[in-house]
Amino acid sequence: MALEAGDLPESLRGYQLARAGVLNNDEMAENGFPGSTADRFRDAGRISGYMREFVPTSDLPPADGLNFVGATVVHLFSNPDQVSGWMTDVFVKDFEENLGESVGSGSKSYR
């Protein structure tokens, strides 16, 4: 299950839930990195998922102009063997290839 606010790392403890819900392959592709497609996620064995997104509360001081959002996501796969392929061939690969690039809504991914 996706983490609750109280389960977040200490550095994110002051964050509040901004949105949560089912994260299907179409939505992941629409809101993911450029070139993402629902078919690519389905081909990797991903069926669906669930996400929770957390944002700083108004009483937290800004960190050098950065607005850091934290999210926890769970994914459901057709079989357990597809999880390691997803992590290396999709998840980590996409983040590495898009460091510093726009990830929508004027946001950028950072290491």
Protein backbone atom coordinates (compact mmCIF):
# COMPACT_ATOMS: atom_id res chain seq x y z
CA MET A 1 0.00 0.00 0.00
CA ALA A 2 1.15 3.57 -0.61
CA LEU A 3 2.58 5.26 2.47
CA GLU A 4 0.50 7.54 4.68
CA ALA A 5 1.81 11.00 5.69
CA GLY A 6 2.91 9.64 9.09
CA ASP A 7 5.05 6.99 7.38
CA LEU A 8 7.08 9.47 5.31
CA PRO A 9 10.78 10.06 6.07
CA GLU A 10 11.53 12.61 8.77
CA SER A 11 12.45 15.29 6.20
CA LEU A 12 8.91 15.13 4.77
CA ARG A 13 6.97 14.84 8.04
CA GLY A 14 5.49 18.33 7.69
CA TYR A 15 3.97 17.52 4.31
CA GLN A 16 0.24 17.11 3.75
CA LEU A 17 -1.70 14.93 1.35
CA ALA A 18 -2.49 16.86 -1.85
CA ARG A 19 -4.05 14.10 -3.92
CA ALA A 20 -4.47 10.35 -3.96
CA GLY A 21 -6.09 7.76 -6.17
CA VAL A 22 -5.82 5.01 -8.72
CA LEU A 23 -2.96 5.50 -11.17
CA ASN A 24 -3.75 3.55 -14.33
CA ASN A 25 -1.36 3.16 -17.27
CA ASP A 26 -3.08 5.83 -19.37
CA GLU A 27 -2.78 8.42 -16.59
CA MET A 28 0.84 7.46 -15.94
CA ALA A 29 1.66 7.96 -19.62
CA GLU A 30 -0.20 11.26 -19.79
CA ASN A 31 1.55 12.67 -16.72
CA GLY A 32 4.89 10.90 -17.10
CA PHE A 33 8.11 11.72 -18.87
CA PRO A 34 8.04 12.64 -22.58
CA GLY A 35 7.55 9.58 -24.76
CA SER A 36 5.74 7.58 -22.08
CA THR A 37 2.93 5.42 -23.40
CA ALA A 38 0.33 3.23 -21.74
CA ASP A 39 1.35 0.40 -24.07
CA ARG A 40 4.95 0.59 -22.85
CA PHE A 41 3.76 0.22 -19.25
CA ARG A 42 1.40 -2.64 -20.16
CA ASP A 43 4.21 -4.37 -22.10
CA ALA A 44 6.33 -4.16 -18.93
CA GLY A 45 3.56 -6.10 -17.14
CA ARG A 46 2.08 -3.19 -15.20
CA ILE A 47 -1.68 -3.57 -14.67
CA SER A 48 -2.47 -0.52 -12.52
CA GLY A 49 -1.42 1.26 -9.35
CA TYR A 50 -2.27 3.72 -6.61
CA MET A 51 -0.56 6.96 -5.61
CA ARG A 52 -0.44 9.51 -2.83
CA GLU A 53 1.18 12.90 -3.45
CA PHE A 54 2.34 15.13 -0.60
CA VAL A 55 3.17 18.86 -0.59
CA PRO A 56 4.68 21.16 2.04
CA THR A 57 2.27 22.86 4.41
CA SER A 58 2.16 26.65 4.34
CA ASP A 59 4.04 26.88 7.64
CA LEU A 60 7.14 25.11 6.27
CA PRO A 61 9.90 27.51 5.15
CA PRO A 62 10.75 27.40 1.42
CA ALA A 63 13.99 25.63 0.56
CA ASP A 64 15.94 27.96 -1.74
CA GLY A 65 12.93 28.53 -3.99
CA LEU A 66 12.36 24.83 -4.58
CA ASN A 67 8.91 23.38 -4.19
CA PHE A 68 9.57 19.74 -3.46
CA VAL A 69 6.69 17.29 -3.85
CA GLY A 70 6.85 13.80 -2.39
CA ALA A 71 4.87 10.87 -3.70
CA THR A 72 4.41 7.23 -2.82
CA VAL A 73 3.20 4.82 -5.47
CA VAL A 74 2.34 1.14 -5.56
CA HIS A 75 2.20 -0.82 -8.80
CA LEU A 76 0.33 -4.03 -9.62
CA PHE A 77 2.01 -6.37 -12.12
CA SER A 78 0.86 -9.43 -14.04
CA ASN A 79 3.50 -11.53 -12.26
CA PRO A 80 6.25 -10.98 -9.68
CA ASP A 81 9.07 -11.51 -12.19
CA GLN A 82 8.13 -8.29 -14.00
CA VAL A 83 8.92 -6.07 -11.00
CA SER A 84 12.73 -6.08 -11.41
CA GLY A 85 12.41 -5.36 -15.14
CA TRP A 86 10.10 -2.45 -14.37
CA MET A 87 12.53 -0.99 -11.83
CA THR A 88 15.59 -1.15 -14.12
CA ASP A 89 14.16 -0.84 -17.64
CA VAL A 90 11.41 1.71 -16.95
CA PHE A 91 11.48 3.46 -13.57
CA VAL A 92 15.19 4.09 -12.95
CA LYS A 93 16.00 4.41 -16.66
CA ASP A 94 13.34 7.09 -17.21
CA PHE A 95 14.51 9.16 -14.24
CA GLU A 96 18.17 8.93 -15.27
CA GLU A 97 17.37 9.93 -18.85
CA ASN A 98 15.26 12.90 -17.74
CA LEU A 99 17.31 14.48 -14.94
CA GLY A 100 16.91 18.24 -15.15
CA GLU A 101 14.14 17.97 -17.74
CA SER A 102 10.60 19.23 -17.41
CA VAL A 103 8.18 16.76 -15.85
CA GLY A 104 5.07 18.85 -16.36
CA SER A 105 3.56 21.92 -14.70
CA GLY A 106 6.89 23.75 -14.90
CA SER A 107 8.57 21.15 -12.68
CA LYS A 108 11.96 19.56 -13.19
CA SER A 109 13.40 16.29 -11.96
CA TYR A 110 16.50 16.52 -9.78
CA ARG A 111 18.88 14.00 -8.35
